Amino acid sequence: MEPNPVIIAATAKQTASLIFLHGLGDTGHGWASTIAAIRGPHIKVICPTASTMPVTLNAGFRMPSWFDLRTLDATAPEDEEGILRATDLIHGMIEDEIKSGIPITRILLGGFSQGGALALHAALTYPETLAGVMSLSCWLPRHAHFPGAVKAPTILPIFQAHGDCDPVVPFKWGQMTASFLKTFMKNIEFNTYQGLTHSTSEEELKDMKVFIERMLPASAVL
């Protein structure tokens, strides 16, 4: 059983949804109020919490994790099964929003670190055009399967952001991911934050707010 997501309702008539995924060891509570503060009143925020599992990278300690992280090494084998299972879970959340009456073009996906990696993977493998995806301080999981695994239209808006002093997920990974994505996707924005470590900043949140406003404008009538 997945833990219940943190949901912050729209404060006006809901015409859009924003699903945001936390990083390793965090919960939906870690980002909910931050995301709620930068969204418009017509946007519902959904911050799910990953199931607790043993994580190889952290000596097998159990913690909330979207999939197992074996090592932070670009060439190491990945938990493919876990990544695909987590992707199905996120696709299910997107379907739930569609069933509730929100068009796919009004659903935005985002995440930080491991959550950003999953958001990127889920957006690229979803067969319709989401409003966009925000991937912060992360990488593309199962990158060897791309571009073959892409189901999303090439116009999917991708907002990538990375601090250039990140000691956890190297800045170089963010740059390499953006360069790779640009070879098969058409709509990518890569933002660098000077001096930022593995976290967020006022400047990054401001840029995210602009992206959210652009992708999910308030004027849509449902």
N, C-alpha and C. Protein backbone atom coordinates (compact mmCIF):
# COMPACT_ATOMS: atom_id res chain seq x y z
N MET A 1 0.84 -1.22 0.00
CA MET A 1 0.00 0.00 0.00
C MET A 1 0.87 1.26 0.00
N GLU A 2 0.54 2.16 -0.89
CA GLU A 2 1.26 3.44 -0.92
C GLU A 2 0.72 4.33 0.21
N PRO A 3 1.59 5.13 0.84
CA PRO A 3 1.09 6.10 1.82
C PRO A 3 0.17 7.11 1.11
N ASN A 4 -0.72 7.72 1.86
CA ASN A 4 -1.61 8.72 1.26
C ASN A 4 -0.83 9.95 0.81
N PRO A 5 -1.14 10.49 -0.38
CA PRO A 5 -0.45 11.71 -0.80
C PRO A 5 -0.91 12.93 -0.01
N VAL A 6 -0.06 13.93 0.06
CA VAL A 6 -0.46 15.21 0.63
C VAL A 6 -1.15 15.97 -0.49
N ILE A 7 -2.38 16.40 -0.24
CA ILE A 7 -3.13 17.12 -1.28
C ILE A 7 -3.47 18.51 -0.76
N ILE A 8 -3.12 19.52 -1.55
CA ILE A 8 -3.50 20.89 -1.22
C ILE A 8 -4.48 21.34 -2.29
N ALA A 9 -5.71 21.51 -1.88
CA ALA A 9 -6.78 21.83 -2.83
C ALA A 9 -6.57 23.19 -3.47
N ALA A 10 -7.12 23.35 -4.65
CA ALA A 10 -7.13 24.67 -5.29
C ALA A 10 -7.97 25.59 -4.41
N THR A 11 -7.63 26.88 -4.37
CA THR A 11 -8.40 27.82 -3.54
C THR A 11 -9.45 28.56 -4.36
N ALA A 12 -9.41 28.35 -5.70
CA ALA A 12 -10.47 28.85 -6.58
C ALA A 12 -10.99 27.61 -7.31
N LYS A 13 -11.80 27.77 -8.35
CA LYS A 13 -12.28 26.61 -9.12
C LYS A 13 -11.07 25.91 -9.74
N GLN A 14 -10.94 24.62 -9.47
CA GLN A 14 -9.78 23.87 -10.00
C GLN A 14 -9.89 23.64 -11.50
N THR A 15 -8.86 24.09 -12.23
CA THR A 15 -8.80 23.81 -13.66
C THR A 15 -7.48 23.13 -14.05
N ALA A 16 -6.63 22.83 -13.05
CA ALA A 16 -5.33 22.23 -13.35
C ALA A 16 -4.82 21.47 -12.12
N SER A 17 -3.88 20.54 -12.37
CA SER A 17 -3.27 19.75 -11.29
C SER A 17 -1.76 19.73 -11.44
N LEU A 18 -1.06 19.75 -10.30
CA LEU A 18 0.39 19.69 -10.29
C LEU A 18 0.80 18.55 -9.35
N ILE A 19 1.44 17.53 -9.93
CA ILE A 19 1.91 16.39 -9.14
C ILE A 19 3.41 16.56 -8.94
N PHE A 20 3.86 16.61 -7.67
CA PHE A 20 5.28 16.86 -7.40
C PHE A 20 5.85 15.75 -6.52
N LEU A 21 7.00 15.18 -6.94
CA LEU A 21 7.59 14.01 -6.29
C LEU A 21 8.85 14.36 -5.49
N HIS A 22 8.87 13.95 -4.24
CA HIS A 22 9.98 14.27 -3.33
C HIS A 22 11.23 13.44 -3.64
N GLY A 23 12.33 13.82 -3.00
CA GLY A 23 13.60 13.10 -3.15
C GLY A 23 13.72 11.95 -2.16
N LEU A 24 14.81 11.21 -2.26
CA LEU A 24 15.07 10.03 -1.42
C LEU A 24 15.00 10.38 0.07
N GLY A 25 14.25 9.57 0.83
CA GLY A 25 14.20 9.73 2.29
C GLY A 25 13.26 10.83 2.76
N ASP A 26 12.62 11.52 1.85
CA ASP A 26 11.70 12.61 2.21
C ASP A 26 10.26 12.07 2.16
N THR A 27 9.28 12.95 2.35
CA THR A 27 7.87 12.58 2.19
C THR A 27 7.17 13.69 1.40
N GLY A 28 5.92 13.47 1.08
CA GLY A 28 5.14 14.48 0.36
C GLY A 28 5.06 15.80 1.12
N HIS A 29 5.16 15.71 2.46
CA HIS A 29 5.10 16.94 3.28
C HIS A 29 6.30 17.85 3.03
N GLY A 30 7.44 17.24 2.60
CA GLY A 30 8.67 18.01 2.43
C GLY A 30 8.56 19.13 1.41
N TRP A 31 7.69 18.96 0.40
CA TRP A 31 7.59 19.95 -0.68
C TRP A 31 6.22 20.61 -0.78
N ALA A 32 5.21 20.04 -0.14
CA ALA A 32 3.83 20.48 -0.37
C ALA A 32 3.62 21.99 -0.19
N SER A 33 4.06 22.54 0.94
CA SER A 33 3.80 23.97 1.18
C SER A 33 4.63 24.86 0.26
N THR A 34 5.85 24.40 -0.09
CA THR A 34 6.71 25.16 -1.01
C THR A 34 6.06 25.26 -2.38
N ILE A 35 5.54 24.14 -2.88
CA ILE A 35 4.89 24.11 -4.20
C ILE A 35 3.58 24.90 -4.16
N ALA A 36 2.83 24.72 -3.07
CA ALA A 36 1.55 25.44 -2.95
C ALA A 36 1.75 26.95 -3.00
N ALA A 37 2.90 27.40 -2.49
CA ALA A 37 3.18 28.85 -2.42
C ALA A 37 3.50 29.45 -3.79
N ILE A 38 3.85 28.60 -4.78
CA ILE A 38 4.22 29.15 -6.09
C ILE A 38 3.21 28.80 -7.18
N ARG A 39 2.07 28.21 -6.79
CA ARG A 39 1.08 27.85 -7.81
C ARG A 39 -0.08 28.86 -7.78
N GLY A 40 -0.83 28.91 -8.87
CA GLY A 40 -2.02 29.77 -8.91
C GLY A 40 -3.16 29.14 -8.12
N PRO A 41 -4.17 29.93 -7.76
CA PRO A 41 -5.28 29.43 -6.93
C PRO A 41 -6.14 28.37 -7.61
N HIS A 42 -6.02 28.25 -8.95
CA HIS A 42 -6.82 27.28 -9.71
C HIS A 42 -6.14 25.91 -9.81
N ILE A 43 -4.96 25.78 -9.18
CA ILE A 43 -4.18 24.53 -9.31
C ILE A 43 -4.21 23.71 -8.02
N LYS A 44 -4.60 22.44 -8.17
CA LYS A 44 -4.54 21.50 -7.04
C LYS A 44 -3.13 20.91 -7.01
N VAL A 45 -2.56 20.79 -5.81
CA VAL A 45 -1.21 20.23 -5.66
C VAL A 45 -1.31 18.84 -5.03
N ILE A 46 -0.63 17.87 -5.65
CA ILE A 46 -0.61 16.50 -5.14
C ILE A 46 0.86 16.13 -4.90
N CYS A 47 1.20 15.85 -3.64
CA CYS A 47 2.58 15.46 -3.31
C CYS A 47 2.56 14.07 -2.67
N PRO A 48 2.70 13.03 -3.51
CA PRO A 48 2.67 11.67 -2.96
C PRO A 48 3.93 11.36 -2.14
N THR A 49 3.82 10.35 -1.28
CA THR A 49 4.97 9.87 -0.52
C THR A 49 5.32 8.48 -1.03
N ALA A 50 6.60 8.25 -1.30
CA ALA A 50 7.05 6.94 -1.79
C ALA A 50 6.92 5.90 -0.68
N SER A 51 6.78 4.64 -1.08
CA SER A 51 6.78 3.54 -0.10
C SER A 51 8.16 3.45 0.56
N THR A 52 8.19 2.92 1.77
CA THR A 52 9.46 2.72 2.48
C THR A 52 10.07 1.40 2.03
N MET A 53 11.34 1.45 1.66
CA MET A 53 12.03 0.23 1.20
C MET A 53 13.50 0.29 1.58
N PRO A 54 14.18 -0.85 1.62
CA PRO A 54 15.62 -0.82 1.85
C PRO A 54 16.33 -0.21 0.63
N VAL A 55 17.26 0.71 0.88
CA VAL A 55 17.97 1.37 -0.22
C VAL A 55 19.45 0.95 -0.21
N THR A 56 19.86 0.29 -1.28
CA THR A 56 21.24 -0.23 -1.38
C THR A 56 22.28 0.86 -1.14
N LEU A 57 22.05 2.02 -1.77
CA LEU A 57 22.99 3.15 -1.66
C LEU A 57 23.24 3.54 -0.20
N ASN A 58 22.20 3.39 0.63
CA ASN A 58 22.33 3.75 2.05
C ASN A 58 22.43 2.50 2.93
N ALA A 59 23.27 1.57 2.49
CA ALA A 59 23.59 0.35 3.27
C ALA A 59 22.35 -0.46 3.64
N GLY A 60 21.33 -0.41 2.78
CA GLY A 60 20.13 -1.22 3.03
C GLY A 60 19.16 -0.64 4.04
N PHE A 61 19.42 0.58 4.53
CA PHE A 61 18.47 1.19 5.47
C PHE A 61 17.15 1.43 4.77
N ARG A 62 16.06 1.27 5.51
CA ARG A 62 14.72 1.48 4.94
C ARG A 62 14.36 2.96 5.01
N MET A 63 13.83 3.47 3.92
CA MET A 63 13.42 4.87 3.87
C MET A 63 12.47 5.06 2.69
N PRO A 64 11.71 6.17 2.67
CA PRO A 64 10.87 6.40 1.50
C PRO A 64 11.73 6.54 0.24
N SER A 65 11.43 5.72 -0.76
CA SER A 65 12.21 5.73 -2.00
C SER A 65 11.31 5.28 -3.14
N TRP A 66 11.41 5.96 -4.27
CA TRP A 66 10.56 5.59 -5.42
C TRP A 66 11.02 4.29 -6.06
N PHE A 67 12.32 4.03 -5.99
CA PHE A 67 12.90 2.78 -6.50
C PHE A 67 14.25 2.63 -5.82
N ASP A 68 14.85 1.45 -5.91
CA ASP A 68 16.14 1.26 -5.24
C ASP A 68 17.24 2.02 -5.98
N LEU A 69 18.09 2.67 -5.22
CA LEU A 69 19.28 3.32 -5.80
C LEU A 69 20.46 2.46 -5.40
N ARG A 70 21.09 1.85 -6.40
CA ARG A 70 22.20 0.93 -6.09
C ARG A 70 23.47 1.72 -5.80
N THR A 71 23.71 2.74 -6.63
CA THR A 71 24.91 3.56 -6.49
C THR A 71 24.70 4.83 -7.30
N LEU A 72 25.37 5.90 -6.92
CA LEU A 72 25.28 7.12 -7.74
C LEU A 72 26.46 7.13 -8.70
N ASP A 73 26.39 6.21 -9.64
CA ASP A 73 27.45 6.10 -10.63
C ASP A 73 26.74 5.95 -11.98
N ALA A 74 27.07 6.83 -12.90
CA ALA A 74 26.35 6.91 -14.18
C ALA A 74 26.32 5.61 -14.97
N THR A 75 27.32 4.75 -14.76
CA THR A 75 27.38 3.53 -15.58
C THR A 75 26.87 2.30 -14.84
N ALA A 76 26.47 2.45 -13.60
CA ALA A 76 26.07 1.30 -12.79
C ALA A 76 24.71 0.76 -13.22
N PRO A 77 24.46 -0.55 -12.97
CA PRO A 77 23.14 -1.10 -13.28
C PRO A 77 22.07 -0.44 -12.40
N GLU A 78 20.88 -0.27 -12.97
CA GLU A 78 19.80 0.41 -12.23
C GLU A 78 18.71 -0.58 -11.85
N ASP A 79 17.86 -0.15 -10.94
CA ASP A 79 16.69 -0.94 -10.52
C ASP A 79 15.59 -0.73 -11.57
N GLU A 80 15.78 -1.36 -12.74
CA GLU A 80 14.84 -1.15 -13.86
C GLU A 80 13.40 -1.48 -13.49
N GLU A 81 13.24 -2.62 -12.81
CA GLU A 81 11.89 -3.06 -12.43
C GLU A 81 11.23 -2.04 -11.52
N GLY A 82 12.00 -1.54 -10.55
CA GLY A 82 11.47 -0.55 -9.61
C GLY A 82 11.13 0.76 -10.29
N ILE A 83 11.95 1.18 -11.25
CA ILE A 83 11.71 2.43 -11.97
C ILE A 83 10.41 2.31 -12.79
N LEU A 84 10.24 1.17 -13.45
CA LEU A 84 9.04 0.96 -14.27
C LEU A 84 7.79 0.86 -13.39
N ARG A 85 7.92 0.22 -12.23
CA ARG A 85 6.78 0.10 -11.30
C ARG A 85 6.38 1.49 -10.80
N ALA A 86 7.38 2.30 -10.43
CA ALA A 86 7.11 3.66 -9.94
C ALA A 86 6.49 4.53 -11.04
N THR A 87 6.97 4.32 -12.29
CA THR A 87 6.43 5.07 -13.43
C THR A 87 4.95 4.74 -13.62
N ASP A 88 4.60 3.46 -13.50
CA ASP A 88 3.18 3.05 -13.61
C ASP A 88 2.35 3.73 -12.53
N LEU A 89 2.91 3.83 -11.34
CA LEU A 89 2.21 4.48 -10.22
C LEU A 89 1.90 5.94 -10.56
N ILE A 90 2.89 6.64 -11.12
CA ILE A 90 2.70 8.06 -11.48
C ILE A 90 1.71 8.19 -12.64
N HIS A 91 1.80 7.29 -13.61
CA HIS A 91 0.84 7.31 -14.72
C HIS A 91 -0.58 7.10 -14.18
N GLY A 92 -0.72 6.26 -13.16
CA GLY A 92 -2.02 6.04 -12.52
C GLY A 92 -2.55 7.31 -11.87
N MET A 93 -1.65 8.08 -11.25
CA MET A 93 -2.06 9.36 -10.63
C MET A 93 -2.53 10.36 -11.69
N ILE A 94 -1.84 10.35 -12.84
CA ILE A 94 -2.24 11.23 -13.95
C ILE A 94 -3.65 10.82 -14.42
N GLU A 95 -3.87 9.50 -14.57
CA GLU A 95 -5.18 9.00 -15.02
C GLU A 95 -6.28 9.40 -14.03
N ASP A 96 -5.97 9.35 -12.73
CA ASP A 96 -6.96 9.74 -11.72
C ASP A 96 -7.40 11.19 -11.90
N GLU A 97 -6.44 12.06 -12.22
CA GLU A 97 -6.77 13.48 -12.43
C GLU A 97 -7.62 13.66 -13.69
N ILE A 98 -7.28 12.88 -14.74
CA ILE A 98 -8.07 12.95 -15.98
C ILE A 98 -9.50 12.49 -15.70
N LYS A 99 -9.63 11.39 -14.93
CA LYS A 99 -10.97 10.87 -14.58
C LYS A 99 -11.78 11.89 -13.79
N SER A 100 -11.07 12.72 -13.01
CA SER A 100 -11.79 13.72 -12.21
C SER A 100 -12.16 14.95 -13.04
N GLY A 101 -11.80 14.94 -14.35
CA GLY A 101 -12.25 16.01 -15.24
C GLY A 101 -11.19 17.02 -15.65
N ILE A 102 -9.92 16.77 -15.27
CA ILE A 102 -8.84 17.70 -15.64
C ILE A 102 -8.21 17.20 -16.95
N PRO A 103 -8.16 18.04 -17.99
CA PRO A 103 -7.54 17.59 -19.26
C PRO A 103 -6.04 17.33 -19.08
N ILE A 104 -5.53 16.40 -19.87
CA ILE A 104 -4.11 16.03 -19.79
C ILE A 104 -3.20 17.25 -19.98
N THR A 105 -3.62 18.18 -20.82
CA THR A 105 -2.80 19.37 -21.09
C THR A 105 -2.80 20.36 -19.92
N ARG A 106 -3.56 20.03 -18.85
CA ARG A 106 -3.62 20.89 -17.65
C ARG A 106 -3.03 20.16 -16.44
N ILE A 107 -2.23 19.12 -16.72
CA ILE A 107 -1.58 18.37 -15.63
C ILE A 107 -0.07 18.52 -15.78
N LEU A 108 0.55 19.05 -14.72
CA LEU A 108 1.99 19.31 -14.72
C LEU A 108 2.65 18.35 -13.74
N LEU A 109 3.78 17.79 -14.15
CA LEU A 109 4.51 16.85 -13.31
C LEU A 109 5.82 17.50 -12.88
N GLY A 110 6.27 17.20 -11.68
CA GLY A 110 7.55 17.77 -11.24
C GLY A 110 8.16 16.90 -10.15
N GLY A 111 9.43 17.17 -9.84
CA GLY A 111 10.06 16.44 -8.75
C GLY A 111 11.47 16.91 -8.51
N PHE A 112 12.00 16.50 -7.35
CA PHE A 112 13.35 16.88 -6.93
C PHE A 112 14.19 15.62 -6.74
N SER A 113 15.43 15.64 -7.26
CA SER A 113 16.40 14.55 -7.08
C SER A 113 15.82 13.23 -7.61
N GLN A 114 15.70 12.20 -6.77
CA GLN A 114 15.14 10.94 -7.26
C GLN A 114 13.71 11.15 -7.79
N GLY A 115 12.97 12.04 -7.13
CA GLY A 115 11.60 12.35 -7.58
C GLY A 115 11.60 13.08 -8.92
N GLY A 116 12.61 13.92 -9.15
CA GLY A 116 12.75 14.62 -10.43
C GLY A 116 13.09 13.65 -11.55
N ALA A 117 13.94 12.67 -11.21
CA ALA A 117 14.31 11.63 -12.17
C ALA A 117 13.08 10.83 -12.58
N LEU A 118 12.27 10.46 -11.58
CA LEU A 118 11.05 9.69 -11.86
C LEU A 118 10.04 10.53 -12.66
N ALA A 119 9.91 11.80 -12.31
CA ALA A 119 8.97 12.69 -13.02
C ALA A 119 9.35 12.78 -14.50
N LEU A 120 10.65 12.92 -14.76
CA LEU A 120 11.16 13.02 -16.13
C LEU A 120 10.87 11.72 -16.89
N HIS A 121 11.16 10.59 -16.25
CA HIS A 121 10.94 9.28 -16.88
C HIS A 121 9.45 9.08 -17.15
N ALA A 122 8.60 9.42 -16.17
CA ALA A 122 7.15 9.22 -16.32
C ALA A 122 6.57 10.12 -17.40
N ALA A 123 7.06 11.36 -17.49
CA ALA A 123 6.55 12.29 -18.50
C ALA A 123 6.95 11.84 -19.91
N LEU A 124 8.20 11.41 -20.06
CA LEU A 124 8.69 11.00 -21.38
C LEU A 124 8.03 9.71 -21.87
N THR A 125 7.57 8.85 -20.93
CA THR A 125 6.98 7.57 -21.33
C THR A 125 5.46 7.60 -21.29
N TYR A 126 4.87 8.80 -21.10
CA TYR A 126 3.42 8.92 -21.13
C TYR A 126 3.01 9.31 -22.55
N PRO A 127 2.02 8.60 -23.13
CA PRO A 127 1.76 8.78 -24.57
C PRO A 127 1.07 10.08 -24.99
N GLU A 128 0.70 10.92 -24.05
CA GLU A 128 0.06 12.18 -24.45
C GLU A 128 0.85 13.36 -23.90
N THR A 129 0.54 14.56 -24.37
CA THR A 129 1.30 15.74 -23.95
C THR A 129 0.78 16.30 -22.64
N LEU A 130 1.57 16.15 -21.61
CA LEU A 130 1.28 16.81 -20.32
C LEU A 130 1.52 18.31 -20.49
N ALA A 131 1.09 19.09 -19.50
CA ALA A 131 1.37 20.53 -19.53
C ALA A 131 2.87 20.78 -19.50
N GLY A 132 3.62 19.84 -18.91
CA GLY A 132 5.07 19.98 -18.83
C GLY A 132 5.62 19.16 -17.68
N VAL A 133 6.95 19.19 -17.54
CA VAL A 133 7.60 18.49 -16.43
C VAL A 133 8.72 19.36 -15.89
N MET A 134 8.81 19.43 -14.55
CA MET A 134 9.89 20.19 -13.88
C MET A 134 10.79 19.18 -13.19
N SER A 135 12.04 19.10 -13.64
CA SER A 135 12.98 18.12 -13.08
C SER A 135 14.14 18.85 -12.42
N LEU A 136 14.18 18.80 -11.10
CA LEU A 136 15.17 19.56 -10.34
C LEU A 136 16.28 18.65 -9.83
N SER A 137 17.53 19.06 -10.01
CA SER A 137 18.70 18.37 -9.43
C SER A 137 18.65 16.86 -9.67
N CYS A 138 18.51 16.46 -10.94
CA CYS A 138 18.31 15.04 -11.19
C CYS A 138 18.96 14.56 -12.48
N TRP A 139 18.54 13.40 -12.91
CA TRP A 139 19.10 12.73 -14.10
C TRP A 139 17.96 11.98 -14.77
N LEU A 140 18.23 11.38 -15.93
CA LEU A 140 17.23 10.55 -16.60
C LEU A 140 17.50 9.08 -16.30
N PRO A 141 16.59 8.41 -15.55
CA PRO A 141 16.80 6.99 -15.27
C PRO A 141 16.63 6.16 -16.55
N ARG A 142 17.23 4.99 -16.59
CA ARG A 142 17.15 4.07 -17.73
C ARG A 142 17.53 4.79 -19.03
N HIS A 143 18.51 5.68 -18.96
CA HIS A 143 18.84 6.51 -20.13
C HIS A 143 19.25 5.69 -21.36
N ALA A 144 19.77 4.48 -21.12
CA ALA A 144 20.19 3.64 -22.26
C ALA A 144 19.00 3.22 -23.14
N HIS A 145 17.79 3.31 -22.56
CA HIS A 145 16.59 2.91 -23.33
C HIS A 145 16.03 4.06 -24.17
N PHE A 146 16.62 5.24 -24.02
CA PHE A 146 16.10 6.41 -24.75
C PHE A 146 16.99 6.71 -25.95
N PRO A 147 16.44 7.29 -27.02
CA PRO A 147 15.06 7.77 -27.18
C PRO A 147 14.02 6.71 -27.51
N GLY A 148 14.42 5.44 -27.63
CA GLY A 148 13.46 4.40 -28.00
C GLY A 148 12.23 4.32 -27.10
N ALA A 149 12.42 4.59 -25.79
CA ALA A 149 11.32 4.45 -24.84
C ALA A 149 10.36 5.64 -24.82
N VAL A 150 10.68 6.69 -25.58
CA VAL A 150 9.83 7.90 -25.54
C VAL A 150 8.47 7.62 -26.17
N LYS A 151 7.42 7.99 -25.42
CA LYS A 151 6.06 7.90 -25.97
C LYS A 151 5.45 9.29 -26.07
N ALA A 152 6.04 10.24 -25.34
CA ALA A 152 5.51 11.61 -25.33
C ALA A 152 5.82 12.31 -26.65
N PRO A 153 4.94 13.23 -27.08
CA PRO A 153 5.27 14.04 -28.25
C PRO A 153 6.54 14.86 -27.98
N THR A 154 7.30 15.14 -29.04
CA THR A 154 8.59 15.83 -28.87
C THR A 154 8.44 17.26 -28.35
N ILE A 155 7.21 17.80 -28.38
CA ILE A 155 7.00 19.19 -27.93
C ILE A 155 6.77 19.29 -26.42
N LEU A 156 6.80 18.15 -25.70
CA LEU A 156 6.61 18.19 -24.24
C LEU A 156 7.53 19.22 -23.61
N PRO A 157 6.97 20.23 -22.90
CA PRO A 157 7.84 21.25 -22.26
C PRO A 157 8.59 20.66 -21.06
N ILE A 158 9.91 20.78 -21.10
CA ILE A 158 10.76 20.25 -20.01
C ILE A 158 11.54 21.39 -19.37
N PHE A 159 11.36 21.55 -18.05
CA PHE A 159 12.09 22.56 -17.28
C PHE A 159 13.07 21.79 -16.40
N GLN A 160 14.36 21.97 -16.67
CA GLN A 160 15.38 21.32 -15.84
C GLN A 160 16.13 22.38 -15.04
N ALA A 161 16.49 22.05 -13.81
CA ALA A 161 17.19 23.00 -12.97
C ALA A 161 18.22 22.25 -12.13
N HIS A 162 19.40 22.87 -11.95
CA HIS A 162 20.47 22.18 -11.20
C HIS A 162 21.42 23.21 -10.59
N GLY A 163 21.81 22.98 -9.35
CA GLY A 163 22.82 23.83 -8.72
C GLY A 163 24.21 23.40 -9.18
N ASP A 164 25.09 24.35 -9.44
CA ASP A 164 26.43 23.97 -9.95
C ASP A 164 27.39 23.54 -8.84
N CYS A 165 26.91 23.51 -7.58
CA CYS A 165 27.74 23.01 -6.47
C CYS A 165 27.08 21.80 -5.80
N ASP A 166 26.33 21.03 -6.59
CA ASP A 166 25.59 19.88 -6.03
C ASP A 166 26.56 18.73 -5.73
N PRO A 167 26.71 18.36 -4.42
CA PRO A 167 27.65 17.28 -4.08
C PRO A 167 27.01 15.89 -4.15
N VAL A 168 25.69 15.82 -4.37
CA VAL A 168 24.97 14.54 -4.35
C VAL A 168 24.71 14.03 -5.77
N VAL A 169 23.99 14.83 -6.55
CA VAL A 169 23.78 14.50 -7.96
C VAL A 169 24.61 15.53 -8.74
N PRO A 170 25.76 15.12 -9.26
CA PRO A 170 26.68 16.09 -9.87
C PRO A 170 26.01 16.97 -10.93
N PHE A 171 26.37 18.23 -10.93
CA PHE A 171 25.87 19.20 -11.91
C PHE A 171 26.06 18.68 -13.34
N LYS A 172 27.19 17.99 -13.54
CA LYS A 172 27.53 17.42 -14.85
C LYS A 172 26.44 16.46 -15.33
N TRP A 173 25.81 15.73 -14.39
CA TRP A 173 24.73 14.81 -14.76
C TRP A 173 23.55 15.59 -15.32
N GLY A 174 23.24 16.71 -14.69
CA GLY A 174 22.14 17.55 -15.17
C GLY A 174 22.44 18.06 -16.57
N GLN A 175 23.66 18.53 -16.76
CA GLN A 175 24.07 19.05 -18.08
C GLN A 175 24.03 17.96 -19.15
N MET A 176 24.55 16.78 -18.80
CA MET A 176 24.57 15.67 -19.75
C MET A 176 23.16 15.23 -20.09
N THR A 177 22.29 15.22 -19.08
CA THR A 177 20.89 14.84 -19.31
C THR A 177 20.22 15.82 -20.27
N ALA A 178 20.43 17.12 -20.04
CA ALA A 178 19.84 18.15 -20.90
C ALA A 178 20.36 18.03 -22.33
N SER A 179 21.66 17.84 -22.48
CA SER A 179 22.26 17.69 -23.82
C SER A 179 21.67 16.47 -24.54
N PHE A 180 21.53 15.38 -23.79
CA PHE A 180 20.99 14.14 -24.37
C PHE A 180 19.53 14.35 -24.78
N LEU A 181 18.74 14.95 -23.88
CA LEU A 181 17.32 15.18 -24.18
C LEU A 181 17.15 16.05 -25.43
N LYS A 182 18.04 17.02 -25.58
CA LYS A 182 17.95 17.93 -26.73
C LYS A 182 18.14 17.23 -28.07
N THR A 183 18.69 16.01 -28.04
CA THR A 183 18.88 15.28 -29.30
C THR A 183 17.57 14.67 -29.81
N PHE A 184 16.56 14.57 -28.92
CA PHE A 184 15.28 14.00 -29.40
C PHE A 184 14.03 14.74 -28.90
N MET A 185 14.19 15.72 -28.01
CA MET A 185 13.04 16.52 -27.56
C MET A 185 13.27 17.98 -27.96
N LYS A 186 12.17 18.69 -28.25
CA LYS A 186 12.31 20.03 -28.85
C LYS A 186 12.17 21.21 -27.89
N ASN A 187 11.68 20.94 -26.67
CA ASN A 187 11.23 22.06 -25.85
C ASN A 187 11.86 21.99 -24.45
N ILE A 188 13.16 22.24 -24.37
CA ILE A 188 13.89 22.07 -23.10
C ILE A 188 14.51 23.37 -22.63
N GLU A 189 14.34 23.61 -21.35
CA GLU A 189 14.93 24.79 -20.70
C GLU A 189 15.81 24.24 -19.58
N PHE A 190 17.11 24.58 -19.60
CA PHE A 190 18.01 24.11 -18.53
C PHE A 190 18.52 25.32 -17.77
N ASN A 191 18.21 25.36 -16.48
CA ASN A 191 18.61 26.49 -15.63
C ASN A 191 19.70 26.08 -14.65
N THR A 192 20.74 26.90 -14.60
CA THR A 192 21.86 26.67 -13.68
C THR A 192 21.78 27.67 -12.54
N TYR A 193 22.00 27.20 -11.31
CA TYR A 193 21.98 28.11 -10.15
C TYR A 193 23.36 28.09 -9.50
N GLN A 194 24.03 29.22 -9.57
CA GLN A 194 25.40 29.32 -9.07
C GLN A 194 25.45 29.19 -7.56
N GLY A 195 26.36 28.33 -7.10
CA GLY A 195 26.57 28.16 -5.65
C GLY A 195 25.52 27.29 -4.98
N LEU A 196 24.51 26.84 -5.72
CA LEU A 196 23.45 26.03 -5.11
C LEU A 196 23.92 24.58 -4.95
N THR A 197 23.67 24.01 -3.76
CA THR A 197 24.03 22.61 -3.50
C THR A 197 22.82 21.73 -3.85
N HIS A 198 22.65 20.61 -3.15
CA HIS A 198 21.54 19.70 -3.46
C HIS A 198 20.28 20.16 -2.72
N SER A 199 19.75 21.28 -3.17
CA SER A 199 18.56 21.85 -2.53
C SER A 199 17.91 22.81 -3.51
N THR A 200 16.97 23.61 -3.01
CA THR A 200 16.34 24.61 -3.88
C THR A 200 16.71 26.00 -3.38
N SER A 201 16.31 27.02 -4.12
CA SER A 201 16.63 28.39 -3.72
C SER A 201 15.49 29.30 -4.14
N GLU A 202 15.49 30.52 -3.60
CA GLU A 202 14.45 31.51 -3.97
C GLU A 202 14.44 31.74 -5.48
N GLU A 203 15.63 31.83 -6.05
CA GLU A 203 15.76 32.10 -7.49
C GLU A 203 15.15 30.96 -8.31
N GLU A 204 15.45 29.72 -7.90
CA GLU A 204 14.91 28.56 -8.61
C GLU A 204 13.38 28.52 -8.48
N LEU A 205 12.88 28.77 -7.28
CA LEU A 205 11.42 28.75 -7.06
C LEU A 205 10.73 29.83 -7.88
N LYS A 206 11.40 30.97 -8.04
CA LYS A 206 10.85 32.06 -8.86
C LYS A 206 10.73 31.61 -10.32
N ASP A 207 11.78 30.92 -10.81
CA ASP A 207 11.76 30.42 -12.19
C ASP A 207 10.70 29.33 -12.37
N MET A 208 10.53 28.49 -11.35
CA MET A 208 9.49 27.45 -11.39
C MET A 208 8.10 28.09 -11.45
N LYS A 209 7.92 29.14 -10.67
CA LYS A 209 6.63 29.85 -10.64
C LYS A 209 6.28 30.39 -12.03
N VAL A 210 7.28 30.97 -12.70
CA VAL A 210 7.09 31.50 -14.06
C VAL A 210 6.70 30.36 -15.01
N PHE A 211 7.39 29.22 -14.88
CA PHE A 211 7.10 28.06 -15.74
C PHE A 211 5.67 27.56 -15.48
N ILE A 212 5.29 27.45 -14.21
CA ILE A 212 3.95 26.98 -13.85
C ILE A 212 2.89 27.93 -14.43
N GLU A 213 3.12 29.24 -14.28
CA GLU A 213 2.15 30.23 -14.80
C GLU A 213 2.03 30.14 -16.32
N ARG A 214 3.16 29.85 -16.98
CA ARG A 214 3.16 29.77 -18.44
C ARG A 214 2.45 28.50 -18.92
N MET A 215 2.68 27.40 -18.22
CA MET A 215 2.11 26.11 -18.64
C MET A 215 0.68 25.90 -18.16
N LEU A 216 0.35 26.47 -17.02
CA LEU A 216 -1.00 26.31 -16.47
C LEU A 216 -1.64 27.69 -16.20
N PRO A 217 -1.86 28.49 -17.26
CA PRO A 217 -2.45 29.81 -17.03
C PRO A 217 -3.85 29.70 -16.44
N ALA A 218 -4.24 30.73 -15.73
CA ALA A 218 -5.52 30.69 -15.01
C ALA A 218 -6.73 30.76 -15.93
N SER A 219 -6.54 31.25 -17.14
CA SER A 219 -7.67 31.59 -18.00
C SER A 219 -8.47 30.40 -18.55
N ALA A 220 -7.92 29.18 -18.43
CA ALA A 220 -8.62 28.04 -19.02
C ALA A 220 -9.98 27.83 -18.38
N VAL A 221 -10.99 27.67 -19.21
CA VAL A 221 -12.36 27.43 -18.70
C VAL A 221 -12.67 25.97 -18.91
N LEU A 222 -13.09 25.31 -17.82
CA LEU A 222 -13.45 23.88 -17.95
C LEU A 222 -14.96 23.76 -17.92
